Amino acid sequence: MTSPTPSVNPVEIARIALKRLAERGLAPTPENYAQFYNAIVTIKSPESKSSDELQHAWQVLCKLDDALAEAVDTTASLLESLSESGQNMAVSLGHLQHTRRTGFEASVAVEQTRATMEDLLEDIISSTHTLHATVSASHEDISTIRDSVKRIEEDLSFNRKLLEQDALTGTLNRQGLDHLLVREVKRAQRSGGKLSVVLFDLDDFKQINDRFGHMVGDQVLVHVANLARAVLRESDMLVRYGGEEFLLLLPETDLNGARFVVDRMRLVAGKTPFMHHTQRIDVSFSSGVALLGAEENGRALVLRADEALYRAKHSGRGRVEVAE
């Protein structure tokens, strides 16, 4: 069986479109709704965007968000400075005007100089107020743009999760594994920690499909994924690696720990068979386990686990093999 291709959920698209209309204070007319709906579908279409393209778009948006955040801070500081300068100049102008009214003893030259300074200050204050208004408008515009970028980031995050999730079981798929594996390998090598991979494959799964049909086979896969989730820690990751093949990524786990996880899964599976009406369907699986080497990359780690799984599959049902 192959993993189904994820599709865009129209209900989710409609929800986001209506939310965007409300955020902008727009009436939910058919014209406004259609415009936002089509724009969001374009963003979310899995067929038109690969995981790498989404990752690149995500990085660009993060950089843009950082730049906008810096611009918001800069304009806010400038607004504060302009406001303070304007107040100081207004006070100075008031003092000059007060002195002009009360200083009868001043000479004509001093009066002319003072009048010139008053006119100059009035011009500066007027210019400062105009600049303050312009910067204030720019500050609001930048803040609005940043809010829009945030919303686009949320939409891209949703779309990336959609692409990296197996539609049937809700686990990660192989696209989701790629980025995760690189991150966890780097983390383990940087900290000197352990990282183990378990590949397990359902035994005689073809017989289940042939006997009960593919729909029941799909339900068995969902059942197995739920059993695995019940055993795994929050930091562990479950991936649907192929048709009836799953992968466990186990941070901070050595070979003994990985084998313990497999044994726990086998125990839980034995006590929790899948029931099709009144028919009991027992599920068993073969496993290959590998521990990350000192200079090893993620692909090599998974390959060794796959080779161990191959040996387990050819040794009988329910077997566990550890990679060399």
C-alpha atoms as a PDB file:
ATOM      1  CA  MET A   1       0.000   0.000   0.000  1.00  0.00           C
ATOM      2  CA  THR A   2       1.167   3.530  -0.684  1.00  0.00           C
ATOM      3  CA  SER A   3       0.610   6.528   1.510  1.00  0.00           C
ATOM      4  CA  PRO A   4      -2.399   8.586   0.352  1.00  0.00           C
ATOM      5  CA  THR A   5      -1.717  12.054  -1.015  1.00  0.00           C
ATOM      6  CA  PRO A   6      -2.916  14.772   1.372  1.00  0.00           C
ATOM      7  CA  SER A   7      -5.589  17.118   0.038  1.00  0.00           C
ATOM      8  CA  VAL A   8      -6.695  20.624   0.937  1.00  0.00           C
ATOM      9  CA  ASN A   9      -9.528  20.671   3.496  1.00  0.00           C
ATOM     10  CA  PRO A  10     -12.199  23.108   2.174  1.00  0.00           C
ATOM     11  CA  VAL A  11     -13.739  23.515   5.633  1.00  0.00           C
ATOM     12  CA  GLU A  12     -10.381  24.623   7.037  1.00  0.00           C
ATOM     13  CA  ILE A  13      -9.872  27.008   4.100  1.00  0.00           C
ATOM     14  CA  ALA A  14     -13.324  28.524   4.652  1.00  0.00           C
ATOM     15  CA  ARG A  15     -12.637  28.985   8.366  1.00  0.00           C
ATOM     16  CA  ILE A  16      -9.383  30.836   7.671  1.00  0.00           C
ATOM     17  CA  ALA A  17     -10.996  33.001   4.953  1.00  0.00           C
ATOM     18  CA  LEU A  18     -13.793  34.113   7.303  1.00  0.00           C
ATOM     19  CA  LYS A  19     -11.255  34.806  10.047  1.00  0.00           C
ATOM     20  CA  ARG A  20      -9.210  37.006   7.695  1.00  0.00           C
ATOM     21  CA  LEU A  21     -12.346  38.963   6.700  1.00  0.00           C
ATOM     22  CA  ALA A  22     -13.205  39.562  10.359  1.00  0.00           C
ATOM     23  CA  GLU A  23      -9.639  40.683  11.154  1.00  0.00           C
ATOM     24  CA  ARG A  24      -9.822  43.321   8.424  1.00  0.00           C
ATOM     25  CA  GLY A  25     -13.340  44.460   9.314  1.00  0.00           C
ATOM     26  CA  LEU A  26     -14.687  43.440   5.904  1.00  0.00           C
ATOM     27  CA  ALA A  27     -18.232  42.285   5.318  1.00  0.00           C
ATOM     28  CA  PRO A  28     -18.505  38.552   4.470  1.00  0.00           C
ATOM     29  CA  THR A  29     -19.959  39.256   1.014  1.00  0.00           C
ATOM     30  CA  PRO A  30     -19.580  36.604  -1.708  1.00  0.00           C
ATOM     31  CA  GLU A  31     -17.047  38.807  -3.527  1.00  0.00           C
ATOM     32  CA  ASN A  32     -14.852  39.378  -0.440  1.00  0.00           C
ATOM     33  CA  TYR A  33     -15.136  35.764   0.636  1.00  0.00           C
ATOM     34  CA  ALA A  34     -14.206  34.423  -2.819  1.00  0.00           C
ATOM     35  CA  GLN A  35     -11.151  36.690  -2.995  1.00  0.00           C
ATOM     36  CA  PHE A  36      -9.762  35.474   0.328  1.00  0.00           C
ATOM     37  CA  TYR A  37     -10.758  31.855  -0.295  1.00  0.00           C
ATOM     38  CA  ASN A  38      -8.890  31.728  -3.622  1.00  0.00           C
ATOM     39  CA  ALA A  39      -5.832  33.444  -2.149  1.00  0.00           C
ATOM     40  CA  ILE A  40      -5.623  30.956   0.717  1.00  0.00           C
ATOM     41  CA  VAL A  41      -6.140  27.966  -1.595  1.00  0.00           C
ATOM     42  CA  THR A  42      -3.196  29.207  -3.663  1.00  0.00           C
ATOM     43  CA  ILE A  43      -1.022  29.325  -0.537  1.00  0.00           C
ATOM     44  CA  LYS A  44      -2.178  25.939   0.717  1.00  0.00           C
ATOM     45  CA  SER A  45      -2.226  23.893  -2.493  1.00  0.00           C
ATOM     46  CA  PRO A  46       0.010  20.831  -1.808  1.00  0.00           C
ATOM     47  CA  GLU A  47       0.130  20.030  -5.507  1.00  0.00           C
ATOM     48  CA  SER A  48       1.782  23.347  -6.381  1.00  0.00           C
ATOM     49  CA  LYS A  49       4.355  23.556  -3.599  1.00  0.00           C
ATOM     50  CA  SER A  50       6.977  21.072  -2.466  1.00  0.00           C
ATOM     51  CA  SER A  51       8.236  20.772   1.092  1.00  0.00           C
ATOM     52  CA  ASP A  52      11.536  22.414   0.073  1.00  0.00           C
ATOM     53  CA  GLU A  53       9.710  25.373  -1.485  1.00  0.00           C
ATOM     54  CA  LEU A  54       7.661  25.813   1.671  1.00  0.00           C
ATOM     55  CA  GLN A  55      10.809  25.603   3.778  1.00  0.00           C
ATOM     56  CA  HIS A  56      12.423  28.348   1.656  1.00  0.00           C
ATOM     57  CA  ALA A  57       9.297  30.512   1.865  1.00  0.00           C
ATOM     58  CA  TRP A  58       9.280  30.000   5.613  1.00  0.00           C
ATOM     59  CA  GLN A  59      12.894  31.160   5.924  1.00  0.00           C
ATOM     60  CA  VAL A  60      12.206  34.258   3.794  1.00  0.00           C
ATOM     61  CA  LEU A  61       9.195  35.153   5.903  1.00  0.00           C
ATOM     62  CA  CYS A  62      11.159  34.726   9.127  1.00  0.00           C
ATOM     63  CA  LYS A  63      13.821  37.149   7.828  1.00  0.00           C
ATOM     64  CA  LEU A  64      11.122  39.589   6.740  1.00  0.00           C
ATOM     65  CA  ASP A  65       9.479  39.337  10.138  1.00  0.00           C
ATOM     66  CA  ASP A  66      12.800  40.121  11.848  1.00  0.00           C
ATOM     67  CA  ALA A  67      13.314  43.160   9.597  1.00  0.00           C
ATOM     68  CA  LEU A  68       9.798  44.394  10.253  1.00  0.00           C
ATOM     69  CA  ALA A  69      10.252  43.928  13.987  1.00  0.00           C
ATOM     70  CA  GLU A  70      13.408  46.051  13.843  1.00  0.00           C
ATOM     71  CA  ALA A  71      11.567  48.690  11.798  1.00  0.00           C
ATOM     72  CA  VAL A  72       8.721  48.769  14.322  1.00  0.00           C
ATOM     73  CA  ASP A  73      11.203  49.286  17.163  1.00  0.00           C
ATOM     74  CA  THR A  74      13.081  51.992  15.234  1.00  0.00           C
ATOM     75  CA  THR A  75       9.976  53.968  14.323  1.00  0.00           C
ATOM     76  CA  ALA A  76       8.688  53.677  17.885  1.00  0.00           C
ATOM     77  CA  SER A  77      11.976  55.109  19.215  1.00  0.00           C
ATOM     78  CA  LEU A  78      11.890  57.872  16.592  1.00  0.00           C
ATOM     79  CA  LEU A  79       8.320  58.761  17.535  1.00  0.00           C
ATOM     80  CA  GLU A  80       9.303  59.019  21.179  1.00  0.00           C
ATOM     81  CA  SER A  81      12.334  61.203  20.337  1.00  0.00           C
ATOM     82  CA  LEU A  82      10.320  63.505  18.055  1.00  0.00           C
ATOM     83  CA  SER A  83       7.612  63.895  20.651  1.00  0.00           C
ATOM     84  CA  GLU A  84      10.136  64.794  23.346  1.00  0.00           C
ATOM     85  CA  SER A  85      11.989  67.246  21.063  1.00  0.00           C
ATOM     86  CA  GLY A  86       8.745  68.922  20.079  1.00  0.00           C
ATOM     87  CA  GLN A  87       7.781  69.400  23.696  1.00  0.00           C
ATOM     88  CA  ASN A  88      11.197  70.864  24.582  1.00  0.00           C
ATOM     89  CA  MET A  89      11.100  73.311  21.648  1.00  0.00           C
ATOM     90  CA  ALA A  90       7.558  74.375  22.541  1.00  0.00           C
ATOM     91  CA  VAL A  91       8.720  75.172  26.082  1.00  0.00           C
ATOM     92  CA  SER A  92      11.679  77.172  24.730  1.00  0.00           C
ATOM     93  CA  LEU A  93       9.378  79.110  22.422  1.00  0.00           C
ATOM     94  CA  GLY A  94       7.086  79.891  25.309  1.00  0.00           C
ATOM     95  CA  HIS A  95       9.979  81.265  27.333  1.00  0.00           C
ATOM     96  CA  LEU A  96      11.092  83.477  24.430  1.00  0.00           C
ATOM     97  CA  GLN A  97       7.612  84.835  23.852  1.00  0.00           C
ATOM     98  CA  HIS A  98       7.176  85.531  27.553  1.00  0.00           C
ATOM     99  CA  THR A  99      10.521  87.402  27.648  1.00  0.00           C
ATOM    100  CA  ARG A 100       9.519  89.433  24.596  1.00  0.00           C
ATOM    101  CA  ARG A 101       6.294  90.543  26.230  1.00  0.00           C
ATOM    102  CA  THR A 102       7.917  91.530  29.549  1.00  0.00           C
ATOM    103  CA  GLY A 103      11.377  92.807  28.491  1.00  0.00           C
ATOM    104  CA  PHE A 104      10.595  96.457  27.741  1.00  0.00           C
ATOM    105  CA  GLU A 105      14.208  97.393  28.365  1.00  0.00           C
ATOM    106  CA  ALA A 106      15.516  95.286  25.485  1.00  0.00           C
ATOM    107  CA  SER A 107      17.028  97.035  22.479  1.00  0.00           C
ATOM    108  CA  VAL A 108      15.558  96.916  18.970  1.00  0.00           C
ATOM    109  CA  ALA A 109      18.386  94.644  17.754  1.00  0.00           C
ATOM    110  CA  VAL A 110      17.764  92.161  20.541  1.00  0.00           C
ATOM    111  CA  GLU A 111      14.027  92.284  19.789  1.00  0.00           C
ATOM    112  CA  GLN A 112      14.643  91.556  16.121  1.00  0.00           C
ATOM    113  CA  THR A 113      16.986  88.664  16.963  1.00  0.00           C
ATOM    114  CA  ARG A 114      14.470  87.243  19.391  1.00  0.00           C
ATOM    115  CA  ALA A 115      11.685  87.556  16.844  1.00  0.00           C
ATOM    116  CA  THR A 116      13.801  85.747  14.264  1.00  0.00           C
ATOM    117  CA  MET A 117      14.519  82.942  16.760  1.00  0.00           C
ATOM    118  CA  GLU A 118      10.818  82.655  17.555  1.00  0.00           C
ATOM    119  CA  ASP A 119       9.940  82.334  13.872  1.00  0.00           C
ATOM    120  CA  LEU A 120      12.677  79.732  13.418  1.00  0.00           C
ATOM    121  CA  LEU A 121      11.473  77.702  16.377  1.00  0.00           C
ATOM    122  CA  GLU A 122       7.887  77.861  15.124  1.00  0.00           C
ATOM    123  CA  ASP A 123       9.027  76.509  11.746  1.00  0.00           C
ATOM    124  CA  ILE A 124      11.043  73.720  13.411  1.00  0.00           C
ATOM    125  CA  ILE A 125       8.131  72.783  15.666  1.00  0.00           C
ATOM    126  CA  SER A 126       5.759  72.726  12.680  1.00  0.00           C
ATOM    127  CA  SER A 127       8.179  70.540  10.712  1.00  0.00           C
ATOM    128  CA  THR A 128       8.633  68.265  13.710  1.00  0.00           C
ATOM    129  CA  HIS A 129       4.861  67.812  14.038  1.00  0.00           C
ATOM    130  CA  THR A 130       4.598  66.985  10.332  1.00  0.00           C
ATOM    131  CA  LEU A 131       7.470  64.497  10.589  1.00  0.00           C
ATOM    132  CA  HIS A 132       5.911  62.996  13.703  1.00  0.00           C
ATOM    133  CA  ALA A 133       2.628  62.458  11.862  1.00  0.00           C
ATOM    134  CA  THR A 134       4.423  60.874   8.892  1.00  0.00           C
ATOM    135  CA  VAL A 135       6.493  58.534  11.081  1.00  0.00           C
ATOM    136  CA  SER A 136       3.382  57.660  13.089  1.00  0.00           C
ATOM    137  CA  ALA A 137       1.548  56.651   9.907  1.00  0.00           C
ATOM    138  CA  SER A 138       4.586  54.614   8.760  1.00  0.00           C
ATOM    139  CA  HIS A 139       4.777  52.940  12.159  1.00  0.00           C
ATOM    140  CA  GLU A 140       1.124  51.879  11.873  1.00  0.00           C
ATOM    141  CA  ASP A 141       1.646  50.651   8.299  1.00  0.00           C
ATOM    142  CA  ILE A 142       4.702  48.583   9.286  1.00  0.00           C
ATOM    143  CA  SER A 143       2.809  47.103  12.242  1.00  0.00           C
ATOM    144  CA  THR A 144      -0.059  46.154   9.915  1.00  0.00           C
ATOM    145  CA  ILE A 145       2.357  44.543   7.436  1.00  0.00           C
ATOM    146  CA  ARG A 146       4.017  42.608  10.240  1.00  0.00           C
ATOM    147  CA  ASP A 147       0.628  41.314  11.417  1.00  0.00           C
ATOM    148  CA  SER A 148      -0.057  40.150   7.856  1.00  0.00           C
ATOM    149  CA  VAL A 149       3.320  38.380   7.713  1.00  0.00           C
ATOM    150  CA  LYS A 150       2.499  36.642  10.991  1.00  0.00           C
ATOM    151  CA  ARG A 151      -0.765  35.371   9.543  1.00  0.00           C
ATOM    152  CA  ILE A 152       0.984  34.124   6.384  1.00  0.00           C
ATOM    153  CA  GLU A 153       3.549  32.340   8.595  1.00  0.00           C
ATOM    154  CA  GLU A 154       0.677  30.608  10.382  1.00  0.00           C
ATOM    155  CA  ASP A 155      -0.814  29.524   7.056  1.00  0.00           C
ATOM    156  CA  LEU A 156       2.544  28.218   5.799  1.00  0.00           C
ATOM    157  CA  SER A 157       3.071  26.371   9.066  1.00  0.00           C
ATOM    158  CA  PHE A 158      -0.317  24.692   8.629  1.00  0.00           C
ATOM    159  CA  ASN A 159       0.480  23.815   5.022  1.00  0.00           C
ATOM    160  CA  ARG A 160       3.917  22.421   5.912  1.00  0.00           C
ATOM    161  CA  LYS A 161       2.356  20.191   8.579  1.00  0.00           C
ATOM    162  CA  LEU A 162      -0.184  19.039   6.003  1.00  0.00           C
ATOM    163  CA  LEU A 163       2.587  18.025   3.587  1.00  0.00           C
ATOM    164  CA  GLU A 164       4.642  16.298   6.281  1.00  0.00           C
ATOM    165  CA  GLN A 165       1.778  14.307   7.817  1.00  0.00           C
ATOM    166  CA  ASP A 166       0.482  10.921   6.733  1.00  0.00           C
ATOM    167  CA  ALA A 167      -3.204  11.436   5.953  1.00  0.00           C
ATOM    168  CA  LEU A 168      -4.256   7.951   7.110  1.00  0.00           C
ATOM    169  CA  THR A 169      -2.487   7.498  10.450  1.00  0.00           C
ATOM    170  CA  GLY A 170      -1.755  11.107  11.419  1.00  0.00           C
ATOM    171  CA  THR A 171       1.920  10.257  11.895  1.00  0.00           C
ATOM    172  CA  LEU A 172       4.786  11.991  10.130  1.00  0.00           C
ATOM    173  CA  ASN A 173       5.528  10.841   6.598  1.00  0.00           C
ATOM    174  CA  ARG A 174       8.933  10.532   4.922  1.00  0.00           C
ATOM    175  CA  GLN A 175       8.980  14.213   3.979  1.00  0.00           C
ATOM    176  CA  GLY A 176       8.443  15.074   7.627  1.00  0.00           C
ATOM    177  CA  LEU A 177      11.198  12.657   8.636  1.00  0.00           C
ATOM    178  CA  ASP A 178      13.842  14.309   6.427  1.00  0.00           C
ATOM    179  CA  HIS A 179      14.060  17.602   8.326  1.00  0.00           C
ATOM    180  CA  LEU A 180      13.511  15.926  11.691  1.00  0.00           C
ATOM    181  CA  LEU A 181      16.291  13.388  11.172  1.00  0.00           C
ATOM    182  CA  VAL A 182      18.873  16.043  10.276  1.00  0.00           C
ATOM    183  CA  ARG A 183      17.940  18.063  13.367  1.00  0.00           C
ATOM    184  CA  GLU A 184      18.059  15.128  15.786  1.00  0.00           C
ATOM    185  CA  VAL A 185      21.356  13.785  14.411  1.00  0.00           C
ATOM    186  CA  LYS A 186      22.985  17.207  14.829  1.00  0.00           C
ATOM    187  CA  ARG A 187      21.595  17.527  18.334  1.00  0.00           C
ATOM    188  CA  ALA A 188      22.870  14.089  19.381  1.00  0.00           C
ATOM    189  CA  GLN A 189      26.335  14.679  17.930  1.00  0.00           C
ATOM    190  CA  ARG A 190      26.572  18.147  19.460  1.00  0.00           C
ATOM    191  CA  SER A 191      25.595  16.985  22.953  1.00  0.00           C
ATOM    192  CA  GLY A 192      27.216  13.543  22.804  1.00  0.00           C
ATOM    193  CA  GLY A 193      23.818  11.927  23.383  1.00  0.00           C
ATOM    194  CA  LYS A 194      22.377   8.674  22.062  1.00  0.00           C
ATOM    195  CA  LEU A 195      19.965   8.424  19.135  1.00  0.00           C
ATOM    196  CA  SER A 196      18.347   5.164  18.033  1.00  0.00           C
ATOM    197  CA  VAL A 197      16.135   4.264  15.084  1.00  0.00           C
ATOM    198  CA  VAL A 198      13.666   1.375  14.962  1.00  0.00           C
ATOM    199  CA  LEU A 199      12.155   0.233  11.676  1.00  0.00           C
ATOM    200  CA  PHE A 200       9.282  -2.215  12.072  1.00  0.00           C
ATOM    201  CA  ASP A 201       7.157  -3.891   9.427  1.00  0.00           C
ATOM    202  CA  LEU A 202       3.832  -5.698   9.949  1.00  0.00           C
ATOM    203  CA  ASP A 203       4.078  -9.425   9.386  1.00  0.00           C
ATOM    204  CA  ASP A 204       1.783 -11.010   6.766  1.00  0.00           C
ATOM    205  CA  PHE A 205      -0.001  -7.726   6.154  1.00  0.00           C
ATOM    206  CA  LYS A 206      -0.821  -8.741   2.578  1.00  0.00           C
ATOM    207  CA  GLN A 207      -2.891 -11.616   3.954  1.00  0.00           C
ATOM    208  CA  ILE A 208      -4.958  -9.154   5.995  1.00  0.00           C
ATOM    209  CA  ASN A 209      -5.636  -7.083   2.866  1.00  0.00           C
ATOM    210  CA  ASP A 210      -6.448 -10.166   0.790  1.00  0.00           C
ATOM    211  CA  ARG A 211      -8.757 -11.646   3.418  1.00  0.00           C
ATOM    212  CA  PHE A 212     -10.559  -8.572   4.776  1.00  0.00           C
ATOM    213  CA  GLY A 213      -9.999  -5.898   2.131  1.00  0.00           C
ATOM    214  CA  HIS A 214      -7.882  -2.763   1.958  1.00  0.00           C
ATOM    215  CA  MET A 215     -10.278  -0.717   4.078  1.00  0.00           C
ATOM    216  CA  VAL A 216      -9.777  -3.079   7.016  1.00  0.00           C
ATOM    217  CA  GLY A 217      -6.049  -3.061   6.249  1.00  0.00           C
ATOM    218  CA  ASP A 218      -6.048   0.718   6.594  1.00  0.00           C
ATOM    219  CA  GLN A 219      -7.862   0.423   9.930  1.00  0.00           C
ATOM    220  CA  VAL A 220      -5.208  -2.029  11.132  1.00  0.00           C
ATOM    221  CA  LEU A 221      -2.487   0.495  10.242  1.00  0.00           C
ATOM    222  CA  VAL A 222      -4.277   3.182  12.263  1.00  0.00           C
ATOM    223  CA  HIS A 223      -4.598   0.688  15.127  1.00  0.00           C
ATOM    224  CA  VAL A 224      -0.867  -0.048  15.063  1.00  0.00           C
ATOM    225  CA  ALA A 225      -0.004   3.667  14.989  1.00  0.00           C
ATOM    226  CA  ASN A 226      -2.188   4.233  18.057  1.00  0.00           C
ATOM    227  CA  LEU A 227      -0.539   1.329  19.880  1.00  0.00           C
ATOM    228  CA  ALA A 228       2.884   2.804  19.160  1.00  0.00           C
ATOM    229  CA  ARG A 229       1.802   6.240  20.449  1.00  0.00           C
ATOM    230  CA  ALA A 230       0.646   4.634  23.703  1.00  0.00           C
ATOM    231  CA  VAL A 231       4.158   3.279  24.311  1.00  0.00           C
ATOM    232  CA  LEU A 232       6.307   6.174  23.114  1.00  0.00           C
ATOM    233  CA  ARG A 233       7.505   9.141  25.141  1.00  0.00           C
ATOM    234  CA  GLU A 234       6.585  12.688  24.178  1.00  0.00           C
ATOM    235  CA  SER A 235      10.092  13.233  22.777  1.00  0.00           C
ATOM    236  CA  ASP A 236       9.935  10.096  20.586  1.00  0.00           C
ATOM    237  CA  MET A 237       8.744  10.395  16.986  1.00  0.00           C
ATOM    238  CA  LEU A 238       6.602   8.030  14.930  1.00  0.00           C
ATOM    239  CA  VAL A 239       6.827   7.989  11.118  1.00  0.00           C
ATOM    240  CA  ARG A 240       4.907   6.013   8.527  1.00  0.00           C
ATOM    241  CA  TYR A 241       7.921   5.064   6.454  1.00  0.00           C
ATOM    242  CA  GLY A 242       6.185   2.960   3.790  1.00  0.00           C
ATOM    243  CA  GLY A 243       2.962   1.034   3.196  1.00  0.00           C
ATOM    244  CA  GLU A 244       2.942  -1.150   6.345  1.00  0.00           C
ATOM    245  CA  GLU A 245       6.362  -0.032   7.549  1.00  0.00           C
ATOM    246  CA  PHE A 246       6.889   2.423  10.433  1.00  0.00           C
ATOM    247  CA  LEU A 247       9.943   4.156  11.849  1.00  0.00           C
ATOM    248  CA  LEU A 248      10.624   5.231  15.433  1.00  0.00           C
ATOM    249  CA  LEU A 249      13.118   8.015  16.102  1.00  0.00           C
ATOM    250  CA  LEU A 250      14.215   7.725  19.734  1.00  0.00           C
ATOM    251  CA  PRO A 251      16.369  10.567  21.147  1.00  0.00           C
ATOM    252  CA  GLU A 252      18.490   9.874  24.238  1.00  0.00           C
ATOM    253  CA  THR A 253      18.019   6.137  23.748  1.00  0.00           C
ATOM    254  CA  ASP A 254      20.671   3.424  23.402  1.00  0.00           C
ATOM    255  CA  LEU A 255      20.205  -0.052  21.907  1.00  0.00           C
ATOM    256  CA  ASN A 256      18.903  -1.543  25.151  1.00  0.00           C
ATOM    257  CA  GLY A 257      16.371   1.261  25.444  1.00  0.00           C
ATOM    258  CA  ALA A 258      15.287   0.796  21.836  1.00  0.00           C
ATOM    259  CA  ARG A 259      14.819  -2.951  22.328  1.00  0.00           C
ATOM    260  CA  PHE A 260      12.786  -2.221  25.457  1.00  0.00           C
ATOM    261  CA  VAL A 261      10.463   0.011  23.393  1.00  0.00           C
ATOM    262  CA  VAL A 262      10.030  -2.762  20.806  1.00  0.00           C
ATOM    263  CA  ASP A 263       9.277  -5.331  23.536  1.00  0.00           C
ATOM    264  CA  ARG A 264       6.705  -2.987  25.083  1.00  0.00           C
ATOM    265  CA  MET A 265       5.035  -2.542  21.701  1.00  0.00           C
ATOM    266  CA  ARG A 266       4.914  -6.290  21.132  1.00  0.00           C
ATOM    267  CA  LEU A 267       3.395  -6.792  24.600  1.00  0.00           C
ATOM    268  CA  VAL A 268       0.739  -4.119  24.058  1.00  0.00           C
ATOM    269  CA  ALA A 269      -0.064  -5.426  20.560  1.00  0.00           C
ATOM    270  CA  GLY A 270      -0.501  -8.945  21.958  1.00  0.00           C
ATOM    271  CA  LYS A 271      -2.938  -7.717  24.597  1.00  0.00           C
ATOM    272  CA  THR A 272      -4.806  -5.377  22.246  1.00  0.00           C
ATOM    273  CA  PRO A 273      -5.764  -7.203  19.030  1.00  0.00           C
ATOM    274  CA  PHE A 274      -7.666  -5.437  16.278  1.00  0.00           C
ATOM    275  CA  MET A 275     -11.339  -6.455  16.206  1.00  0.00           C
ATOM    276  CA  HIS A 276     -13.203  -6.514  12.894  1.00  0.00           C
ATOM    277  CA  HIS A 277     -16.802  -7.019  13.967  1.00  0.00           C
ATOM    278  CA  THR A 278     -16.377 -10.182  16.048  1.00  0.00           C
ATOM    279  CA  GLN A 279     -13.258 -11.306  14.198  1.00  0.00           C
ATOM    280  CA  ARG A 280      -9.963 -10.978  16.104  1.00  0.00           C
ATOM    281  CA  ILE A 281      -7.000  -9.919  13.965  1.00  0.00           C
ATOM    282  CA  ASP A 282      -3.682 -10.442  15.716  1.00  0.00           C
ATOM    283  CA  VAL A 283      -0.904  -8.104  14.656  1.00  0.00           C
ATOM    284  CA  SER A 284       2.792  -8.923  14.843  1.00  0.00           C
ATOM    285  CA  PHE A 285       5.775  -7.107  13.406  1.00  0.00           C
ATOM    286  CA  SER A 286       9.461  -7.584  12.702  1.00  0.00           C
ATOM    287  CA  SER A 287      11.968  -4.911  13.726  1.00  0.00           C
ATOM    288  CA  GLY A 288      15.436  -3.621  12.911  1.00  0.00           C
ATOM    289  CA  VAL A 289      17.257  -1.445  15.474  1.00  0.00           C
ATOM    290  CA  ALA A 290      20.288   0.812  14.934  1.00  0.00           C
ATOM    291  CA  LEU A 291      22.236   3.249  17.128  1.00  0.00           C
ATOM    292  CA  LEU A 292      23.778   6.423  15.662  1.00  0.00           C
ATOM    293  CA  GLY A 293      27.556   6.167  15.167  1.00  0.00           C
ATOM    294  CA  ALA A 294      30.039   8.904  16.030  1.00  0.00           C
ATOM    295  CA  GLU A 295      30.525  10.185  12.460  1.00  0.00           C
ATOM    296  CA  GLU A 296      27.319   8.824  10.949  1.00  0.00           C
ATOM    297  CA  ASN A 297      24.607  10.795   9.159  1.00  0.00           C
ATOM    298  CA  GLY A 298      20.885  10.183   9.354  1.00  0.00           C
ATOM    299  CA  ARG A 299      20.534   8.379   6.046  1.00  0.00           C
ATOM    300  CA  ALA A 300      23.246   5.883   6.950  1.00  0.00           C
ATOM    301  CA  LEU A 301      21.594   5.280  10.329  1.00  0.00           C
ATOM    302  CA  VAL A 302      18.224   4.494   8.731  1.00  0.00           C
ATOM    303  CA  LEU A 303      19.906   2.295   6.103  1.00  0.00           C
ATOM    304  CA  ARG A 304      21.532   0.152   8.803  1.00  0.00           C
ATOM    305  CA  ALA A 305      18.178  -0.186  10.600  1.00  0.00           C
ATOM    306  CA  ASP A 306      16.604  -1.210   7.281  1.00  0.00           C
ATOM    307  CA  GLU A 307      19.260  -3.871   6.742  1.00  0.00           C
ATOM    308  CA  ALA A 308      18.603  -5.207  10.245  1.00  0.00           C
ATOM    309  CA  LEU A 309      14.851  -5.267   9.483  1.00  0.00           C
ATOM    310  CA  TYR A 310      15.550  -7.236   6.301  1.00  0.00           C
ATOM    311  CA  ARG A 311      17.358  -9.887   8.343  1.00  0.00           C
ATOM    312  CA  ALA A 312      14.506  -9.962  10.882  1.00  0.00           C
ATOM    313  CA  LYS A 313      11.868 -10.425   8.159  1.00  0.00           C
ATOM    314  CA  HIS A 314      13.738 -13.415   6.780  1.00  0.00           C
ATOM    315  CA  SER A 315      14.182 -15.025  10.190  1.00  0.00           C
ATOM    316  CA  GLY A 316      10.507 -15.489  11.036  1.00  0.00           C
ATOM    317  CA  ARG A 317       7.570 -13.537  12.502  1.00  0.00           C
ATOM    318  CA  GLY A 318       8.007 -11.067  15.362  1.00  0.00           C
ATOM    319  CA  ARG A 319      11.794 -11.037  15.227  1.00  0.00           C
ATOM    320  CA  VAL A 320      14.098  -8.205  16.321  1.00  0.00           C
ATOM    321  CA  GLU A 321      17.544  -7.701  14.797  1.00  0.00           C
ATOM    322  CA  VAL A 322      20.157  -5.162  15.895  1.00  0.00           C
ATOM    323  CA  ALA A 323      22.320  -3.483  13.249  1.00  0.00           C
ATOM    324  CA  GLU A 324      26.048  -4.002  13.433  1.00  0.00           C
END
